[in-house]
C-alpha atoms as a PDB file:
ATOM      1  CA  UNK A   1      45.638  21.974 -54.894  1.00  0.00           C
ATOM      2  CA  UNK A   2      49.283  20.637 -55.648  1.00  0.00           C
ATOM      3  CA  UNK A   3      50.594  24.193 -56.245  1.00  0.00           C
ATOM      4  CA  UNK A   4      53.024  24.011 -53.074  1.00  0.00           C
ATOM      5  CA  UNK A   5      56.331  22.442 -53.730  1.00  0.00           C
ATOM      6  CA  UNK A   6      56.765  19.004 -52.207  1.00  0.00           C
ATOM      7  CA  UNK A   7      53.063  18.622 -51.759  1.00  0.00           C
ATOM      8  CA  UNK A   8      50.611  16.059 -53.521  1.00  0.00           C
ATOM      9  CA  UNK A   9      47.314  17.542 -54.718  1.00  0.00           C
ATOM     10  CA  UNK A  10      43.976  16.152 -52.754  1.00  0.00           C
ATOM     11  CA  UNK A  11      43.319  15.494 -49.158  1.00  0.00           C
ATOM     12  CA  UNK A  12      46.173  15.697 -46.679  1.00  0.00           C
ATOM     13  CA  UNK A  13      44.666  12.566 -45.097  1.00  0.00           C
ATOM     14  CA  UNK A  14      46.179   9.854 -47.293  1.00  0.00           C
ATOM     15  CA  UNK A  15      43.422   7.461 -46.329  1.00  0.00           C
ATOM     16  CA  UNK A  16      40.782   9.662 -47.651  1.00  0.00           C
ATOM     17  CA  UNK A  17      42.341   9.392 -51.174  1.00  0.00           C
ATOM     18  CA  UNK A  18      42.282   5.668 -51.291  1.00  0.00           C
ATOM     19  CA  UNK A  19      39.581   3.654 -53.051  1.00  0.00           C
ATOM     20  CA  UNK A  20      41.365   0.580 -51.605  1.00  0.00           C
ATOM     21  CA  UNK A  21      39.390  -1.442 -49.112  1.00  0.00           C
ATOM     22  CA  UNK A  22      41.580  -1.178 -45.995  1.00  0.00           C
ATOM     23  CA  UNK A  23      40.290  -4.215 -44.258  1.00  0.00           C
ATOM     24  CA  UNK A  24      40.637  -6.449 -47.242  1.00  0.00           C
ATOM     25  CA  UNK A  25      44.278  -5.043 -47.909  1.00  0.00           C
ATOM     26  CA  UNK A  26      45.292  -5.741 -44.158  1.00  0.00           C
ATOM     27  CA  UNK A  27      43.709  -9.306 -44.197  1.00  0.00           C
ATOM     28  CA  UNK A  28      45.919  -9.818 -47.307  1.00  0.00           C
ATOM     29  CA  UNK A  29      48.910  -8.504 -45.360  1.00  0.00           C
ATOM     30  CA  UNK A  30      48.146 -10.632 -42.401  1.00  0.00           C
ATOM     31  CA  UNK A  31      48.084 -13.654 -44.732  1.00  0.00           C
ATOM     32  CA  UNK A  32      51.348 -12.709 -46.019  1.00  0.00           C
ATOM     33  CA  UNK A  33      52.660 -12.584 -42.580  1.00  0.00           C
ATOM     34  CA  UNK A  34      51.243 -15.974 -41.823  1.00  0.00           C
ATOM     35  CA  UNK A  35      52.699 -17.546 -44.920  1.00  0.00           C
ATOM     36  CA  UNK A  36      56.176 -16.150 -44.778  1.00  0.00           C
ATOM     37  CA  UNK A  37      56.581 -16.817 -40.875  1.00  0.00           C
ATOM     38  CA  UNK A  38      57.764 -19.833 -39.367  1.00  0.00           C
ATOM     39  CA  UNK A  39      55.273 -22.213 -37.506  1.00  0.00           C
ATOM     40  CA  UNK A  40      57.091 -21.656 -34.149  1.00  0.00           C
ATOM     41  CA  UNK A  41      56.785 -17.791 -34.206  1.00  0.00           C
ATOM     42  CA  UNK A  42      53.784 -17.555 -36.276  1.00  0.00           C
ATOM     43  CA  UNK A  43      51.228 -16.856 -33.242  1.00  0.00           C
ATOM     44  CA  UNK A  44      53.378 -13.999 -31.848  1.00  0.00           C
ATOM     45  CA  UNK A  45      54.308 -12.513 -35.300  1.00  0.00           C
ATOM     46  CA  UNK A  46      50.807 -12.392 -36.453  1.00  0.00           C
ATOM     47  CA  UNK A  47      49.435 -10.970 -33.184  1.00  0.00           C
ATOM     48  CA  UNK A  48      52.250  -8.515 -33.264  1.00  0.00           C
ATOM     49  CA  UNK A  49      51.041  -7.402 -36.910  1.00  0.00           C
ATOM     50  CA  UNK A  50      47.572  -7.227 -35.915  1.00  0.00           C
ATOM     51  CA  UNK A  51      48.411  -4.789 -33.014  1.00  0.00           C
ATOM     52  CA  UNK A  52      50.534  -2.666 -35.234  1.00  0.00           C
ATOM     53  CA  UNK A  53      47.632  -1.857 -37.441  1.00  0.00           C
ATOM     54  CA  UNK A  54      44.627  -2.227 -35.068  1.00  0.00           C
ATOM     55  CA  UNK A  55      43.890   1.448 -35.621  1.00  0.00           C
ATOM     56  CA  UNK A  56      42.870   0.383 -39.212  1.00  0.00           C
ATOM     57  CA  UNK A  57      41.439  -3.134 -38.349  1.00  0.00           C
ATOM     58  CA  UNK A  58      39.834  -2.502 -35.243  1.00  0.00           C
ATOM     59  CA  UNK A  59      37.211  -5.134 -33.966  1.00  0.00           C
ATOM     60  CA  UNK A  60      36.400  -6.154 -37.526  1.00  0.00           C
ATOM     61  CA  UNK A  61      39.311  -8.572 -37.619  1.00  0.00           C
ATOM     62  CA  UNK A  62      38.706 -12.244 -37.143  1.00  0.00           C
ATOM     63  CA  UNK A  63      40.421 -15.531 -38.074  1.00  0.00           C
ATOM     64  CA  UNK A  64      37.374 -16.479 -40.397  1.00  0.00           C
ATOM     65  CA  UNK A  65      38.078 -13.352 -42.422  1.00  0.00           C
ATOM     66  CA  UNK A  66      41.695 -14.155 -42.632  1.00  0.00           C
ATOM     67  CA  UNK A  67      40.682 -17.471 -43.988  1.00  0.00           C
ATOM     68  CA  UNK A  68      38.147 -16.083 -46.396  1.00  0.00           C
ATOM     69  CA  UNK A  69      40.701 -13.435 -47.846  1.00  0.00           C
ATOM     70  CA  UNK A  70      42.540 -15.857 -49.969  1.00  0.00           C
ATOM     71  CA  UNK A  71      41.650 -18.478 -52.530  1.00  0.00           C
ATOM     72  CA  UNK A  72      44.075 -20.939 -51.152  1.00  0.00           C
ATOM     73  CA  UNK A  73      43.946 -22.715 -47.633  1.00  0.00           C
ATOM     74  CA  UNK A  74      46.373 -21.496 -44.898  1.00  0.00           C
ATOM     75  CA  UNK A  75      49.016 -24.352 -44.526  1.00  0.00           C
ATOM     76  CA  UNK A  76      49.061 -25.877 -41.042  1.00  0.00           C
ATOM     77  CA  UNK A  77      46.254 -23.982 -39.951  1.00  0.00           C
ATOM     78  CA  UNK A  78      44.782 -26.444 -37.509  1.00  0.00           C
ATOM     79  CA  UNK A  79      48.142 -26.524 -35.777  1.00  0.00           C
ATOM     80  CA  UNK A  80      48.347 -23.066 -35.894  1.00  0.00           C
ATOM     81  CA  UNK A  81      44.986 -22.691 -33.881  1.00  0.00           C
ATOM     82  CA  UNK A  82      46.291 -24.864 -31.232  1.00  0.00           C
ATOM     83  CA  UNK A  83      49.404 -22.870 -30.876  1.00  0.00           C
ATOM     84  CA  UNK A  84      47.540 -19.572 -30.789  1.00  0.00           C
ATOM     85  CA  UNK A  85      45.203 -20.924 -28.138  1.00  0.00           C
ATOM     86  CA  UNK A  86      48.163 -21.680 -25.867  1.00  0.00           C
ATOM     87  CA  UNK A  87      50.078 -18.529 -26.751  1.00  0.00           C
ATOM     88  CA  UNK A  88      47.029 -16.334 -25.983  1.00  0.00           C
ATOM     89  CA  UNK A  89      46.344 -18.270 -22.760  1.00  0.00           C
ATOM     90  CA  UNK A  90      50.007 -17.597 -21.578  1.00  0.00           C
ATOM     91  CA  UNK A  91      49.773 -13.942 -22.508  1.00  0.00           C
ATOM     92  CA  UNK A  92      46.340 -13.443 -20.911  1.00  0.00           C
ATOM     93  CA  UNK A  93      44.998 -11.076 -23.716  1.00  0.00           C
ATOM     94  CA  UNK A  94      42.904 -10.937 -26.812  1.00  0.00           C
ATOM     95  CA  UNK A  95      40.258 -12.936 -25.343  1.00  0.00           C
ATOM     96  CA  UNK A  96      37.959 -12.419 -28.545  1.00  0.00           C
ATOM     97  CA  UNK A  97      40.591 -13.857 -30.683  1.00  0.00           C
ATOM     98  CA  UNK A  98      41.210 -16.742 -28.155  1.00  0.00           C
ATOM     99  CA  UNK A  99      37.485 -17.834 -28.291  1.00  0.00           C
ATOM    100  CA  UNK A 100      37.237 -17.676 -31.970  1.00  0.00           C
ATOM    101  CA  UNK A 101      40.518 -19.974 -32.328  1.00  0.00           C
ATOM    102  CA  UNK A 102      38.686 -22.420 -29.663  1.00  0.00           C
ATOM    103  CA  UNK A 103      35.713 -22.437 -31.718  1.00  0.00           C
ATOM    104  CA  UNK A 104      37.351 -22.970 -35.155  1.00  0.00           C
ATOM    105  CA  UNK A 105      39.588 -25.669 -33.684  1.00  0.00           C
ATOM    106  CA  UNK A 106      36.892 -27.657 -31.823  1.00  0.00           C
ATOM    107  CA  UNK A 107      33.426 -26.360 -32.540  1.00  0.00           C
ATOM    108  CA  UNK A 108      30.530 -25.690 -30.047  1.00  0.00           C
ATOM    109  CA  UNK A 109      31.695 -28.452 -27.860  1.00  0.00           C
ATOM    110  CA  UNK A 110      35.248 -26.724 -27.368  1.00  0.00           C
ATOM    111  CA  UNK A 111      33.563 -23.348 -26.842  1.00  0.00           C
ATOM    112  CA  UNK A 112      31.253 -25.081 -24.282  1.00  0.00           C
ATOM    113  CA  UNK A 113      34.413 -26.649 -22.514  1.00  0.00           C
ATOM    114  CA  UNK A 114      35.924 -23.234 -22.341  1.00  0.00           C
ATOM    115  CA  UNK A 115      32.969 -21.603 -20.792  1.00  0.00           C
ATOM    116  CA  UNK A 116      32.450 -24.344 -18.312  1.00  0.00           C
ATOM    117  CA  UNK A 117      36.153 -24.549 -17.161  1.00  0.00           C
ATOM    118  CA  UNK A 118      37.123 -20.720 -17.597  1.00  0.00           C
ATOM    119  CA  UNK A 119      33.759 -18.839 -17.710  1.00  0.00           C
ATOM    120  CA  UNK A 120      34.706 -16.638 -14.903  1.00  0.00           C
ATOM    121  CA  UNK A 121      38.001 -15.644 -16.735  1.00  0.00           C
ATOM    122  CA  UNK A 122      36.366 -15.478 -20.277  1.00  0.00           C
ATOM    123  CA  UNK A 123      32.746 -14.742 -19.767  1.00  0.00           C
ATOM    124  CA  UNK A 124      32.335 -14.042 -23.520  1.00  0.00           C
ATOM    125  CA  UNK A 125      32.688 -17.868 -24.088  1.00  0.00           C
ATOM    126  CA  UNK A 126      29.179 -18.041 -22.755  1.00  0.00           C
ATOM    127  CA  UNK A 127      28.042 -15.274 -25.199  1.00  0.00           C
ATOM    128  CA  UNK A 128      29.555 -17.019 -28.034  1.00  0.00           C
ATOM    129  CA  UNK A 129      28.173 -20.418 -27.072  1.00  0.00           C
ATOM    130  CA  UNK A 130      24.679 -18.890 -26.782  1.00  0.00           C
ATOM    131  CA  UNK A 131      25.084 -17.385 -30.250  1.00  0.00           C
ATOM    132  CA  UNK A 132      26.088 -20.741 -31.812  1.00  0.00           C
ATOM    133  CA  UNK A 133      23.059 -22.416 -30.168  1.00  0.00           C
ATOM    134  CA  UNK A 134      20.948 -19.603 -31.627  1.00  0.00           C
ATOM    135  CA  UNK A 135      22.059 -20.498 -35.113  1.00  0.00           C
ATOM    136  CA  UNK A 136      21.004 -24.128 -34.603  1.00  0.00           C
ATOM    137  CA  UNK A 137      17.770 -22.952 -32.984  1.00  0.00           C
ATOM    138  CA  UNK A 138      18.423 -25.247 -29.921  1.00  0.00           C
ATOM    139  CA  UNK A 139      16.528 -22.897 -27.612  1.00  0.00           C
ATOM    140  CA  UNK A 140      15.980 -25.511 -24.727  1.00  0.00           C
ATOM    141  CA  UNK A 141      19.804 -25.791 -24.543  1.00  0.00           C
ATOM    142  CA  UNK A 142      20.193 -22.083 -24.929  1.00  0.00           C
ATOM    143  CA  UNK A 143      18.039 -21.587 -21.788  1.00  0.00           C
ATOM    144  CA  UNK A 144      20.150 -24.157 -19.846  1.00  0.00           C
ATOM    145  CA  UNK A 145      23.461 -22.505 -20.860  1.00  0.00           C
ATOM    146  CA  UNK A 146      22.243 -19.011 -19.990  1.00  0.00           C
ATOM    147  CA  UNK A 147      21.250 -20.155 -16.746  1.00  0.00           C
ATOM    148  CA  UNK A 148      24.518 -21.772 -16.178  1.00  0.00           C
ATOM    149  CA  UNK A 149      26.348 -18.659 -17.431  1.00  0.00           C
ATOM    150  CA  UNK A 150      24.236 -16.321 -15.066  1.00  0.00           C
ATOM    151  CA  UNK A 151      25.142 -18.544 -12.057  1.00  0.00           C
ATOM    152  CA  UNK A 152      28.973 -18.643 -13.093  1.00  0.00           C
ATOM    153  CA  UNK A 153      29.669 -15.189 -14.075  1.00  0.00           C
ATOM    154  CA  UNK A 154      29.934 -12.493 -11.324  1.00  0.00           C
ATOM    155  CA  UNK A 155      26.763 -10.432 -10.984  1.00  0.00           C
ATOM    156  CA  UNK A 156      28.453  -7.277 -11.438  1.00  0.00           C
ATOM    157  CA  UNK A 157      29.922  -7.866 -14.653  1.00  0.00           C
ATOM    158  CA  UNK A 158      27.903  -6.044 -17.311  1.00  0.00           C
ATOM    159  CA  UNK A 159      28.476  -8.753 -19.941  1.00  0.00           C
ATOM    160  CA  UNK A 160      26.300 -10.763 -17.824  1.00  0.00           C
ATOM    161  CA  UNK A 161      23.397  -8.873 -19.407  1.00  0.00           C
ATOM    162  CA  UNK A 162      24.324 -10.502 -22.822  1.00  0.00           C
ATOM    163  CA  UNK A 163      24.163 -13.878 -21.334  1.00  0.00           C
ATOM    164  CA  UNK A 164      20.725 -12.883 -19.877  1.00  0.00           C
ATOM    165  CA  UNK A 165      19.761 -12.093 -23.317  1.00  0.00           C
ATOM    166  CA  UNK A 166      20.178 -15.572 -24.427  1.00  0.00           C
ATOM    167  CA  UNK A 167      17.537 -16.542 -21.657  1.00  0.00           C
ATOM    168  CA  UNK A 168      15.160 -13.746 -22.961  1.00  0.00           C
ATOM    169  CA  UNK A 169      15.478 -15.185 -26.541  1.00  0.00           C
ATOM    170  CA  UNK A 170      15.036 -18.837 -25.507  1.00  0.00           C
ATOM    171  CA  UNK A 171      11.907 -17.781 -23.462  1.00  0.00           C
ATOM    172  CA  UNK A 172      10.330 -15.902 -26.520  1.00  0.00           C
ATOM    173  CA  UNK A 173      10.849 -18.677 -28.820  1.00  0.00           C
ATOM    174  CA  UNK A 174       9.607 -21.268 -26.062  1.00  0.00           C
ATOM    175  CA  UNK A 175       6.607 -18.876 -25.109  1.00  0.00           C
ATOM    176  CA  UNK A 176       7.837 -18.873 -21.641  1.00  0.00           C
ATOM    177  CA  UNK A 177       6.844 -15.615 -19.936  1.00  0.00           C
ATOM    178  CA  UNK A 178       8.490 -16.484 -16.455  1.00  0.00           C
ATOM    179  CA  UNK A 179      11.916 -17.268 -18.301  1.00  0.00           C
ATOM    180  CA  UNK A 180      11.731 -13.860 -19.991  1.00  0.00           C
ATOM    181  CA  UNK A 181      10.799 -12.128 -16.775  1.00  0.00           C
ATOM    182  CA  UNK A 182      14.078 -13.857 -15.210  1.00  0.00           C
ATOM    183  CA  UNK A 183      16.191 -12.768 -18.254  1.00  0.00           C
ATOM    184  CA  UNK A 184      15.106  -9.169 -18.085  1.00  0.00           C
ATOM    185  CA  UNK A 185      15.595  -9.088 -14.490  1.00  0.00           C
ATOM    186  CA  UNK A 186      19.221 -10.401 -14.548  1.00  0.00           C
ATOM    187  CA  UNK A 187      19.879  -8.171 -17.654  1.00  0.00           C
ATOM    188  CA  UNK A 188      18.727  -4.973 -15.739  1.00  0.00           C
ATOM    189  CA  UNK A 189      20.720  -6.193 -12.673  1.00  0.00           C
ATOM    190  CA  UNK A 190      23.948  -6.416 -14.557  1.00  0.00           C
ATOM    191  CA  UNK A 191      23.579  -3.542 -17.002  1.00  0.00           C
ATOM    192  CA  UNK A 192      20.685  -1.263 -16.172  1.00  0.00           C
ATOM    193  CA  UNK A 193      19.007   0.486 -18.952  1.00  0.00           C
ATOM    194  CA  UNK A 194      15.577   1.727 -19.876  1.00  0.00           C
ATOM    195  CA  UNK A 195      14.832  -1.014 -22.394  1.00  0.00           C
ATOM    196  CA  UNK A 196      15.582  -3.763 -20.054  1.00  0.00           C
ATOM    197  CA  UNK A 197      13.235  -2.025 -17.398  1.00  0.00           C
ATOM    198  CA  UNK A 198      10.271  -1.374 -19.714  1.00  0.00           C
ATOM    199  CA  UNK A 199      10.187  -5.116 -20.573  1.00  0.00           C
ATOM    200  CA  UNK A 200      10.641  -5.893 -16.792  1.00  0.00           C
ATOM    201  CA  UNK A 201       7.881  -3.566 -15.862  1.00  0.00           C
ATOM    202  CA  UNK A 202       5.467  -5.116 -18.604  1.00  0.00           C
ATOM    203  CA  UNK A 203       6.279  -8.689 -17.724  1.00  0.00           C
ATOM    204  CA  UNK A 204       5.954  -8.145 -14.006  1.00  0.00           C
ATOM    205  CA  UNK A 205       2.499  -6.989 -14.335  1.00  0.00           C
ATOM    206  CA  UNK A 206       1.555  -9.894 -16.474  1.00  0.00           C
ATOM    207  CA  UNK A 207       3.018 -12.169 -13.768  1.00  0.00           C
ATOM    208  CA  UNK A 208       1.258 -10.347 -10.811  1.00  0.00           C
ATOM    209  CA  UNK A 209       4.670  -9.481  -9.107  1.00  0.00           C
ATOM    210  CA  UNK A 210       4.880  -5.885 -10.267  1.00  0.00           C
ATOM    211  CA  UNK A 211       5.711  -4.107  -6.801  1.00  0.00           C
ATOM    212  CA  UNK A 212       8.310  -6.923  -5.942  1.00  0.00           C
ATOM    213  CA  UNK A 213      10.163  -6.526  -9.280  1.00  0.00           C
ATOM    214  CA  UNK A 214       9.936  -2.725  -9.349  1.00  0.00           C
ATOM    215  CA  UNK A 215      11.210  -2.467  -5.688  1.00  0.00           C
ATOM    216  CA  UNK A 216      14.161  -4.694  -6.423  1.00  0.00           C
ATOM    217  CA  UNK A 217      15.079  -2.913  -9.546  1.00  0.00           C
ATOM    218  CA  UNK A 218      14.942   0.551  -7.620  1.00  0.00           C
ATOM    219  CA  UNK A 219      17.029  -0.903  -5.023  1.00  0.00           C
ATOM    220  CA  UNK A 220      19.510  -2.259  -7.641  1.00  0.00           C
ATOM    221  CA  UNK A 221      19.917   1.290  -8.978  1.00  0.00           C
ATOM    222  CA  UNK A 222      19.995   3.015  -5.613  1.00  0.00           C
ATOM    223  CA  UNK A 223      22.964   0.385  -4.564  1.00  0.00           C
ATOM    224  CA  UNK A 224      25.063   1.312  -7.762  1.00  0.00           C
ATOM    225  CA  UNK A 225      24.636   5.018  -7.268  1.00  0.00           C
ATOM    226  CA  UNK A 226      26.032   4.734  -3.894  1.00  0.00           C
ATOM    227  CA  UNK A 227      29.073   3.105  -5.013  1.00  0.00           C
ATOM    228  CA  UNK A 228      32.213   5.319  -5.134  1.00  0.00           C
ATOM    229  CA  UNK A 229      33.912   6.043  -8.250  1.00  0.00           C
ATOM    230  CA  UNK A 230      32.935   7.117 -11.966  1.00  0.00           C
ATOM    231  CA  UNK A 231      29.144   6.216 -12.960  1.00  0.00           C
ATOM    232  CA  UNK A 232      29.645   5.693 -16.469  1.00  0.00           C
ATOM    233  CA  UNK A 233      31.554   2.897 -18.447  1.00  0.00           C
ATOM    234  CA  UNK A 234      35.069   3.678 -19.298  1.00  0.00           C
ATOM    235  CA  UNK A 235      36.984   2.605 -22.393  1.00  0.00           C
ATOM    236  CA  UNK A 236      38.455  -0.541 -22.164  1.00  0.00           C
ATOM    237  CA  UNK A 237      41.634  -1.684 -24.321  1.00  0.00           C
ATOM    238  CA  UNK A 238      41.153  -4.327 -26.515  1.00  0.00           C
ATOM    239  CA  UNK A 239      43.429  -6.877 -25.114  1.00  0.00           C
ATOM    240  CA  UNK A 240      41.285  -7.124 -21.944  1.00  0.00           C
ATOM    241  CA  UNK A 241      38.219  -9.274 -21.840  1.00  0.00           C
ATOM    242  CA  UNK A 242      35.072  -7.350 -21.194  1.00  0.00           C
ATOM    243  CA  UNK A 243      34.613  -6.978 -17.392  1.00  0.00           C
ATOM    244  CA  UNK A 244      32.957  -3.772 -17.051  1.00  0.00           C
ATOM    245  CA  UNK A 245      31.414  -3.375 -13.664  1.00  0.00           C
ATOM    246  CA  UNK A 246      27.682  -2.765 -13.625  1.00  0.00           C
ATOM    247  CA  UNK A 247      26.910   1.026 -13.568  1.00  0.00           C
ATOM    248  CA  UNK A 248      23.972   3.239 -13.375  1.00  0.00           C
ATOM    249  CA  UNK A 249      22.819   7.001 -13.508  1.00  0.00           C
ATOM    250  CA  UNK A 250      20.615   9.284 -11.694  1.00  0.00           C
ATOM    251  CA  UNK A 251      18.743  10.121 -14.927  1.00  0.00           C
ATOM    252  CA  UNK A 252      17.692   6.491 -15.244  1.00  0.00           C
ATOM    253  CA  UNK A 253      16.466   6.227 -11.803  1.00  0.00           C
ATOM    254  CA  UNK A 254      14.625   9.711 -12.197  1.00  0.00           C
ATOM    255  CA  UNK A 255      12.811   8.187 -15.311  1.00  0.00           C
ATOM    256  CA  UNK A 256      11.925   4.966 -13.450  1.00  0.00           C
ATOM    257  CA  UNK A 257      10.535   7.132 -10.523  1.00  0.00           C
ATOM    258  CA  UNK A 258       8.453   8.924 -13.089  1.00  0.00           C
ATOM    259  CA  UNK A 259       7.263   5.927 -14.937  1.00  0.00           C
ATOM    260  CA  UNK A 260       6.149   4.549 -11.646  1.00  0.00           C
ATOM    261  CA  UNK A 261       4.583   7.594 -10.320  1.00  0.00           C
ATOM    262  CA  UNK A 262       7.109   8.331  -7.538  1.00  0.00           C
ATOM    263  CA  UNK A 263       7.100  11.911  -7.859  1.00  0.00           C
ATOM    264  CA  UNK A 264       8.319  12.765  -4.446  1.00  0.00           C
ATOM    265  CA  UNK A 265      11.436  10.566  -4.909  1.00  0.00           C
ATOM    266  CA  UNK A 266      11.921  12.398  -8.281  1.00  0.00           C
ATOM    267  CA  UNK A 267      12.088  15.736  -6.350  1.00  0.00           C
ATOM    268  CA  UNK A 268      14.384  14.344  -3.545  1.00  0.00           C
ATOM    269  CA  UNK A 269      16.827  12.717  -5.979  1.00  0.00           C
ATOM    270  CA  UNK A 270      17.145  15.784  -8.134  1.00  0.00           C
ATOM    271  CA  UNK A 271      17.851  17.814  -4.982  1.00  0.00           C
ATOM    272  CA  UNK A 272      20.380  15.544  -3.672  1.00  0.00           C
ATOM    273  CA  UNK A 273      21.973  15.215  -7.077  1.00  0.00           C
ATOM    274  CA  UNK A 274      22.424  18.929  -7.673  1.00  0.00           C
ATOM    275  CA  UNK A 275      23.637  19.218  -4.110  1.00  0.00           C
ATOM    276  CA  UNK A 276      26.219  16.705  -4.817  1.00  0.00           C
ATOM    277  CA  UNK A 277      27.158  18.631  -7.976  1.00  0.00           C
ATOM    278  CA  UNK A 278      27.696  21.882  -6.268  1.00  0.00           C
END
């Protein structure tokens, strides 16, 4: 309560005593860094400042927010974007920021070029490209881009499921059940979860390919469970592109066995899993 000498009253966590919008304050600070740094060192200095306060700004930071935080345009911003893209490419980090800089400097065509030329290195470029096409309601091109991305990005990257969601959404707007089925199949393959399976389960029945799809889904889960190492997603530092490997869990396989009436397999899997745990 402020009775101890040398201590201020209130919460010992200073951030809890602030009514200030921390994100806005940081964006104003980043703008100040931008305005007071020479053009040659601006990309490195700004990135250094973002990293220093990443705990407070987190994944909410974006270049567009940096623009919107002020009432005056940032000087030489177009040149800065080009310099930032080159700097981040050399550094090989902060892929989200790189993709945003590419989009702001060249629009959807530049994002498309990044995806097509460096999609395996920057798979998120396909996700951003699909989001931009979704805003324009261009679902025919969305379907083409999603199929291209699914072919280009390695199958064991879990981010591939986000690309598959573009195919699913395009299929829904184009009323193409076969396209939706393909999307859910690819999404489940790269990032297995119950939601993808339920939709795959339903669409497979409508397309008279229930047995084939379910057997393939179970085979995929079984294969992932046989992989050595940890079976859950790890935390990945922000400076790395999202390249999490596809993972599974015995619980998901048990649920799918139950939904498909394979109770003997449930019993065997539970026994095997408990034995492995012991």
